[in-house]
């Protein structure tokens, strides 16, 4: 079986659910419901699932069951489970719970960093050094997720040199997988393509992913721009839920790019993801009913061309 051309990473269970701390009216899934969702997503062919975050439960109570959830994960061949770790303590908890992959987090804006994690960028970099050291000593895979990589709501455009400098530092620590995020969902294809190209050109042996949010209607165009310039991993959320939590406005206006639309986009382009679109759409409908908030994905609302054409035949 050939390897898919791009890797889809599902972030519903972490980035999608964490916003419930700020928005009311949602059903908060139980641990068993989360485990059921993880199994469904794995069955659909998604190769990597961010299942939770090892954060303080008072900060994000929706992820308070992280230890129990990870310890209960089913063993699935070909599926990677990863967890977000904001600091060394979270990394140790994740490893103790049995995580085989952890994702360290940093944002490329001093103001946002203070609001999001109460750390300066330099303090955050030191945490990532310690986390990487711990992970490598325990045989645990690590990637670094970098937020606010294009535009900051407080500081404006983020300089490219700052991003490249941070990645260079992480490379020196031993990190070989990085994802960059448009955390406010307001970047554009040219900016995304240029930034991805700059990274893939300077660091050809780093596996580069993108984590795109949607606010202006350009997220899918940004996916294409990132793919065409060398990104190989795409983080997305079934239903399009989620968003950064240190924003000056409601995060419901800047959710993650929907997995359904990303998989559909690549399918229409003839790019193999290895993910079953029909299965993802069924999961999306289930998640919408479970949470009480429907998917915002276009393909969830309007279907595929094949379905549209089949429907149109009755009017010939």
Protein backbone atom coordinates (compact mmCIF):
# COMPACT_ATOMS: atom_id res chain seq x y z
CA UNK A 1 0.00 0.00 0.00
CA UNK A 2 1.49 3.34 -1.06
CA UNK A 3 2.01 6.18 1.35
CA UNK A 4 -0.48 9.07 1.01
CA UNK A 5 0.94 12.23 -0.51
CA UNK A 6 -0.13 14.38 2.44
CA UNK A 7 -0.76 13.63 6.10
CA UNK A 8 -4.00 14.72 7.75
CA UNK A 9 -3.80 15.43 11.50
CA UNK A 10 -7.15 15.62 13.29
CA UNK A 11 -7.28 18.14 16.17
CA UNK A 12 -10.96 17.97 17.15
CA UNK A 13 -10.29 16.34 20.51
CA UNK A 14 -7.91 19.11 21.62
CA UNK A 15 -8.12 22.34 19.66
CA UNK A 16 -11.75 21.80 18.74
CA UNK A 17 -12.96 21.14 22.28
CA UNK A 18 -10.78 23.56 24.21
CA UNK A 19 -12.89 26.57 23.18
CA UNK A 20 -15.81 25.28 25.21
CA UNK A 21 -14.23 27.01 28.18
CA UNK A 22 -15.08 30.31 26.52
CA UNK A 23 -18.33 29.53 24.71
CA UNK A 24 -21.52 28.28 26.35
CA UNK A 25 -24.27 26.03 25.04
CA UNK A 26 -22.10 23.10 23.95
CA UNK A 27 -22.31 19.55 25.22
CA UNK A 28 -18.95 18.58 26.73
CA UNK A 29 -18.12 15.02 25.62
CA UNK A 30 -17.37 12.45 28.30
CA UNK A 31 -14.15 10.45 28.22
CA UNK A 32 -16.02 7.48 26.75
CA UNK A 33 -17.55 9.69 24.05
CA UNK A 34 -14.09 11.02 23.23
CA UNK A 35 -12.74 7.49 22.95
CA UNK A 36 -15.58 6.56 20.60
CA UNK A 37 -14.78 9.58 18.42
CA UNK A 38 -11.09 8.67 18.34
CA UNK A 39 -11.96 5.15 17.17
CA UNK A 40 -14.25 6.51 14.44
CA UNK A 41 -11.59 8.93 13.23
CA UNK A 42 -8.96 6.19 13.15
CA UNK A 43 -11.36 3.92 11.23
CA UNK A 44 -11.76 6.68 8.64
CA UNK A 45 -8.06 6.44 7.82
CA UNK A 46 -6.75 9.52 9.62
CA UNK A 47 -3.12 8.67 10.43
CA UNK A 48 -2.58 11.10 13.32
CA UNK A 49 -4.96 12.35 15.99
CA UNK A 50 -4.21 15.01 18.59
CA UNK A 51 -6.21 13.42 21.38
CA UNK A 52 -5.80 15.91 24.23
CA UNK A 53 -3.61 18.48 25.92
CA UNK A 54 -1.81 18.11 29.25
CA UNK A 55 -2.73 21.55 30.53
CA UNK A 56 -3.94 22.72 33.93
CA UNK A 57 -7.57 21.61 34.33
CA UNK A 58 -8.56 24.97 35.76
CA UNK A 59 -7.37 26.66 32.57
CA UNK A 60 -9.03 24.26 30.13
CA UNK A 61 -11.43 22.00 32.06
CA UNK A 62 -12.58 20.28 28.86
CA UNK A 63 -9.20 18.50 28.79
CA UNK A 64 -9.11 17.58 32.49
CA UNK A 65 -9.40 13.87 31.65
CA UNK A 66 -6.12 13.82 29.69
CA UNK A 67 -4.40 11.19 31.84
CA UNK A 68 -7.37 8.80 31.88
CA UNK A 69 -8.03 9.31 28.16
CA UNK A 70 -4.47 8.52 27.08
CA UNK A 71 -4.28 5.47 29.32
CA UNK A 72 -7.50 4.17 27.72
CA UNK A 73 -6.55 4.69 24.07
CA UNK A 74 -6.99 1.62 21.86
CA UNK A 75 -3.90 0.31 20.10
CA UNK A 76 -4.31 1.02 16.41
CA UNK A 77 -1.69 0.01 13.86
CA UNK A 78 -0.75 2.91 11.61
CA UNK A 79 -2.37 5.56 13.83
CA UNK A 80 -0.33 8.03 15.86
CA UNK A 81 -1.86 9.59 18.95
CA UNK A 82 -0.27 12.79 20.13
CA UNK A 83 -0.87 15.22 22.97
CA UNK A 84 -0.19 18.92 23.34
CA UNK A 85 2.21 19.84 26.15
CA UNK A 86 2.63 23.53 27.04
CA UNK A 87 5.50 23.03 29.49
CA UNK A 88 7.87 20.48 31.04
CA UNK A 89 5.37 19.43 33.69
CA UNK A 90 2.77 18.69 31.01
CA UNK A 91 5.35 16.72 29.03
CA UNK A 92 6.20 14.57 32.04
CA UNK A 93 2.51 13.90 32.67
CA UNK A 94 2.03 12.93 29.02
CA UNK A 95 4.98 10.54 29.02
CA UNK A 96 3.91 9.01 32.35
CA UNK A 97 0.44 8.41 30.85
CA UNK A 98 1.98 6.56 27.91
CA UNK A 99 2.09 9.13 25.10
CA UNK A 100 4.41 8.16 22.28
CA UNK A 101 4.25 11.57 20.60
CA UNK A 102 4.01 15.01 22.16
CA UNK A 103 3.61 18.43 20.63
CA UNK A 104 5.31 21.37 22.32
CA UNK A 105 3.69 24.76 21.81
CA UNK A 106 5.06 28.25 21.24
CA UNK A 107 3.75 31.44 19.66
CA UNK A 108 5.91 33.87 17.69
CA UNK A 109 4.56 37.00 19.41
CA UNK A 110 5.71 38.32 22.78
CA UNK A 111 2.35 39.92 23.57
CA UNK A 112 0.32 36.87 22.63
CA UNK A 113 2.74 34.59 24.47
CA UNK A 114 2.23 36.51 27.69
CA UNK A 115 -1.55 36.39 27.28
CA UNK A 116 -1.65 32.74 26.26
CA UNK A 117 0.93 31.08 28.52
CA UNK A 118 2.28 33.83 30.79
CA UNK A 119 5.75 33.21 29.36
CA UNK A 120 8.08 35.26 27.22
CA UNK A 121 9.26 33.70 23.97
CA UNK A 122 12.69 33.11 25.54
CA UNK A 123 11.12 31.34 28.53
CA UNK A 124 9.00 29.25 26.18
CA UNK A 125 12.06 28.30 24.11
CA UNK A 126 13.78 27.07 27.28
CA UNK A 127 10.73 24.95 28.10
CA UNK A 128 10.89 23.42 24.62
CA UNK A 129 14.58 22.64 25.12
CA UNK A 130 13.76 20.77 28.33
CA UNK A 131 10.72 19.06 26.77
CA UNK A 132 12.78 17.89 23.78
CA UNK A 133 15.51 16.60 26.06
CA UNK A 134 12.94 14.67 28.11
CA UNK A 135 11.18 13.28 25.02
CA UNK A 136 14.35 12.09 23.30
CA UNK A 137 15.61 10.49 26.53
CA UNK A 138 12.36 8.51 26.75
CA UNK A 139 12.11 7.52 23.08
CA UNK A 140 9.07 9.77 22.57
CA UNK A 141 8.56 11.57 19.28
CA UNK A 142 8.26 15.35 19.47
CA UNK A 143 7.07 18.09 17.20
CA UNK A 144 6.79 21.81 17.83
CA UNK A 145 3.55 23.63 17.04
CA UNK A 146 4.16 27.32 16.39
CA UNK A 147 1.23 29.70 16.67
CA UNK A 148 0.85 33.31 15.47
CA UNK A 149 3.23 32.69 12.56
CA UNK A 150 1.75 35.22 10.15
CA UNK A 151 -0.33 37.93 11.82
CA UNK A 152 -0.69 38.82 15.49
CA UNK A 153 -3.86 40.59 16.67
CA UNK A 154 -1.75 42.70 19.02
CA UNK A 155 1.60 43.24 17.25
CA UNK A 156 0.74 43.04 13.54
CA UNK A 157 2.70 41.04 10.92
CA UNK A 158 5.19 38.53 12.34
CA UNK A 159 8.70 38.88 10.83
CA UNK A 160 9.88 35.90 8.81
CA UNK A 161 13.34 36.06 10.38
CA UNK A 162 11.82 35.53 13.82
CA UNK A 163 10.14 32.36 12.65
CA UNK A 164 13.24 31.01 10.90
CA UNK A 165 15.38 31.83 13.93
CA UNK A 166 13.08 29.92 16.24
CA UNK A 167 13.01 26.88 13.94
CA UNK A 168 16.81 27.00 13.71
CA UNK A 169 16.96 26.87 17.51
CA UNK A 170 14.54 23.94 17.68
CA UNK A 171 16.53 22.15 14.99
CA UNK A 172 19.57 22.48 17.21
CA UNK A 173 17.61 20.83 20.04
CA UNK A 174 16.93 17.82 17.79
CA UNK A 175 13.42 18.66 16.60
CA UNK A 176 12.69 17.47 13.05
CA UNK A 177 8.96 18.14 12.82
CA UNK A 178 7.35 21.58 13.01
CA UNK A 179 3.92 22.98 12.21
CA UNK A 180 3.13 26.65 11.73
CA UNK A 181 -0.26 28.16 12.44
CA UNK A 182 -2.32 31.04 11.14
CA UNK A 183 -3.92 31.31 14.56
CA UNK A 184 -6.33 34.14 13.73
CA UNK A 185 -7.33 32.80 10.31
CA UNK A 186 -6.58 36.04 8.48
CA UNK A 187 -3.48 35.33 6.42
CA UNK A 188 -3.52 34.92 2.64
CA UNK A 189 -2.19 32.40 0.08
CA UNK A 190 0.78 34.49 -1.02
CA UNK A 191 1.96 35.03 2.56
CA UNK A 192 1.43 31.38 3.48
CA UNK A 193 3.15 30.10 0.34
CA UNK A 194 6.14 32.42 0.78
CA UNK A 195 6.59 31.50 4.44
CA UNK A 196 6.29 27.77 3.80
CA UNK A 197 8.77 28.00 0.93
CA UNK A 198 11.24 29.92 3.10
CA UNK A 199 11.10 27.18 5.74
CA UNK A 200 11.24 24.19 3.38
CA UNK A 201 14.13 25.77 1.47
CA UNK A 202 16.21 26.45 4.59
CA UNK A 203 15.27 23.23 6.42
CA UNK A 204 14.72 20.56 3.74
CA UNK A 205 14.89 17.68 6.22
CA UNK A 206 12.22 19.08 8.54
CA UNK A 207 8.71 17.66 8.13
CA UNK A 208 6.62 20.82 7.89
CA UNK A 209 2.94 21.01 8.70
CA UNK A 210 0.43 23.84 8.71
CA UNK A 211 -2.39 24.52 11.14
CA UNK A 212 -4.85 26.91 9.53
CA UNK A 213 -7.81 28.72 11.02
CA UNK A 214 -10.66 30.34 9.09
CA UNK A 215 -12.01 33.86 9.40
CA UNK A 216 -11.84 35.50 5.98
CA UNK A 217 -12.66 32.62 3.63
CA UNK A 218 -9.07 31.98 2.55
CA UNK A 219 -8.16 28.92 4.66
CA UNK A 220 -8.56 26.39 1.84
CA UNK A 221 -6.62 28.61 -0.55
CA UNK A 222 -3.93 28.75 2.12
CA UNK A 223 -3.93 24.94 2.26
CA UNK A 224 -3.23 24.82 -1.47
CA UNK A 225 -0.48 27.44 -1.20
CA UNK A 226 1.17 25.52 1.64
CA UNK A 227 0.96 22.22 -0.25
CA UNK A 228 2.42 23.70 -3.42
CA UNK A 229 5.40 25.05 -1.48
CA UNK A 230 6.35 21.89 0.36
CA UNK A 231 4.13 21.42 3.42
CA UNK A 232 3.30 17.75 3.87
CA UNK A 233 1.10 17.71 6.99
CA UNK A 234 -2.23 19.48 7.44
CA UNK A 235 -3.86 19.93 10.84
CA UNK A 236 -7.61 20.36 10.70
CA UNK A 237 -10.73 19.86 12.78
CA UNK A 238 -13.87 17.93 11.91
CA UNK A 239 -16.69 20.45 11.89
CA UNK A 240 -14.39 23.47 11.84
CA UNK A 241 -14.57 24.04 15.60
CA UNK A 242 -11.90 25.59 17.78
CA UNK A 243 -9.48 28.46 17.75
CA UNK A 244 -6.84 30.21 19.82
CA UNK A 245 -7.94 31.11 23.33
CA UNK A 246 -6.09 34.39 23.89
CA UNK A 247 -8.06 36.36 21.33
CA UNK A 248 -9.71 39.76 21.77
CA UNK A 249 -12.95 38.42 20.23
CA UNK A 250 -15.03 35.22 20.32
CA UNK A 251 -13.03 32.29 18.99
CA UNK A 252 -16.14 30.93 17.24
CA UNK A 253 -15.38 33.46 14.51
CA UNK A 254 -12.00 31.88 13.74
CA UNK A 255 -12.40 28.12 13.88
CA UNK A 256 -10.03 25.54 12.47
CA UNK A 257 -10.25 24.73 8.79
CA UNK A 258 -12.71 21.78 8.57
CA UNK A 259 -11.23 18.34 7.97
CA UNK A 260 -14.12 17.48 5.65
CA UNK A 261 -13.23 20.38 3.36
CA UNK A 262 -9.48 19.69 3.44
CA UNK A 263 -9.95 16.01 2.53
CA UNK A 264 -12.49 16.96 -0.15
CA UNK A 265 -10.13 19.62 -1.55
CA UNK A 266 -7.25 17.18 -1.90
CA UNK A 267 -9.52 14.50 -3.37
CA UNK A 268 -10.73 16.90 -6.06
CA UNK A 269 -7.10 17.84 -6.77
CA UNK A 270 -6.14 14.18 -7.13
CA UNK A 271 -3.91 14.28 -4.06
CA UNK A 272 -4.02 11.14 -1.91
CA UNK A 273 -4.72 11.61 1.82
CA UNK A 274 -5.64 8.01 2.62
CA UNK A 275 -8.74 9.36 4.41
CA UNK A 276 -12.29 8.20 3.63
CA UNK A 277 -14.27 11.38 2.90
CA UNK A 278 -17.66 9.73 3.30
CA UNK A 279 -16.65 8.38 6.71
CA UNK A 280 -15.40 11.79 7.80
CA UNK A 281 -18.70 13.36 6.74
CA UNK A 282 -20.63 10.81 8.79
CA UNK A 283 -18.42 11.54 11.78
CA UNK A 284 -18.97 15.25 11.22
CA UNK A 285 -22.75 14.80 11.39
CA UNK A 286 -22.37 12.72 14.54
CA UNK A 287 -20.11 15.32 16.16
CA UNK A 288 -22.51 18.14 15.28
CA UNK A 289 -25.36 16.27 16.94
CA UNK A 290 -23.22 15.37 19.96
CA UNK A 291 -21.97 18.90 20.59
CA UNK A 292 -25.16 20.65 19.61
CA UNK A 293 -23.26 22.79 17.07
CA UNK A 294 -23.36 21.81 13.36
CA UNK A 295 -20.34 21.63 11.10
CA UNK A 296 -19.41 24.76 9.15
CA UNK A 297 -17.73 22.72 6.40
CA UNK A 298 -18.90 23.47 2.87
CA UNK A 299 -18.89 19.82 1.84
CA UNK A 300 -20.98 19.00 4.92
CA UNK A 301 -23.57 21.57 3.83
CA UNK A 302 -23.54 21.20 0.04
CA UNK A 303 -21.99 17.79 -0.74
CA UNK A 304 -19.65 16.82 -3.56
CA UNK A 305 -19.90 17.44 -7.29
CA UNK A 306 -20.78 13.78 -7.91
CA UNK A 307 -23.73 14.08 -5.53
CA UNK A 308 -24.78 17.38 -7.07
CA UNK A 309 -24.63 15.93 -10.57
CA UNK A 310 -26.63 12.85 -9.55
CA UNK A 311 -29.28 15.10 -8.04
CA UNK A 312 -29.39 17.25 -11.18
CA UNK A 313 -30.16 14.28 -13.44
CA UNK A 314 -33.82 14.33 -12.44
CA UNK A 315 -34.11 17.78 -14.03
CA UNK A 316 -32.68 16.83 -17.45
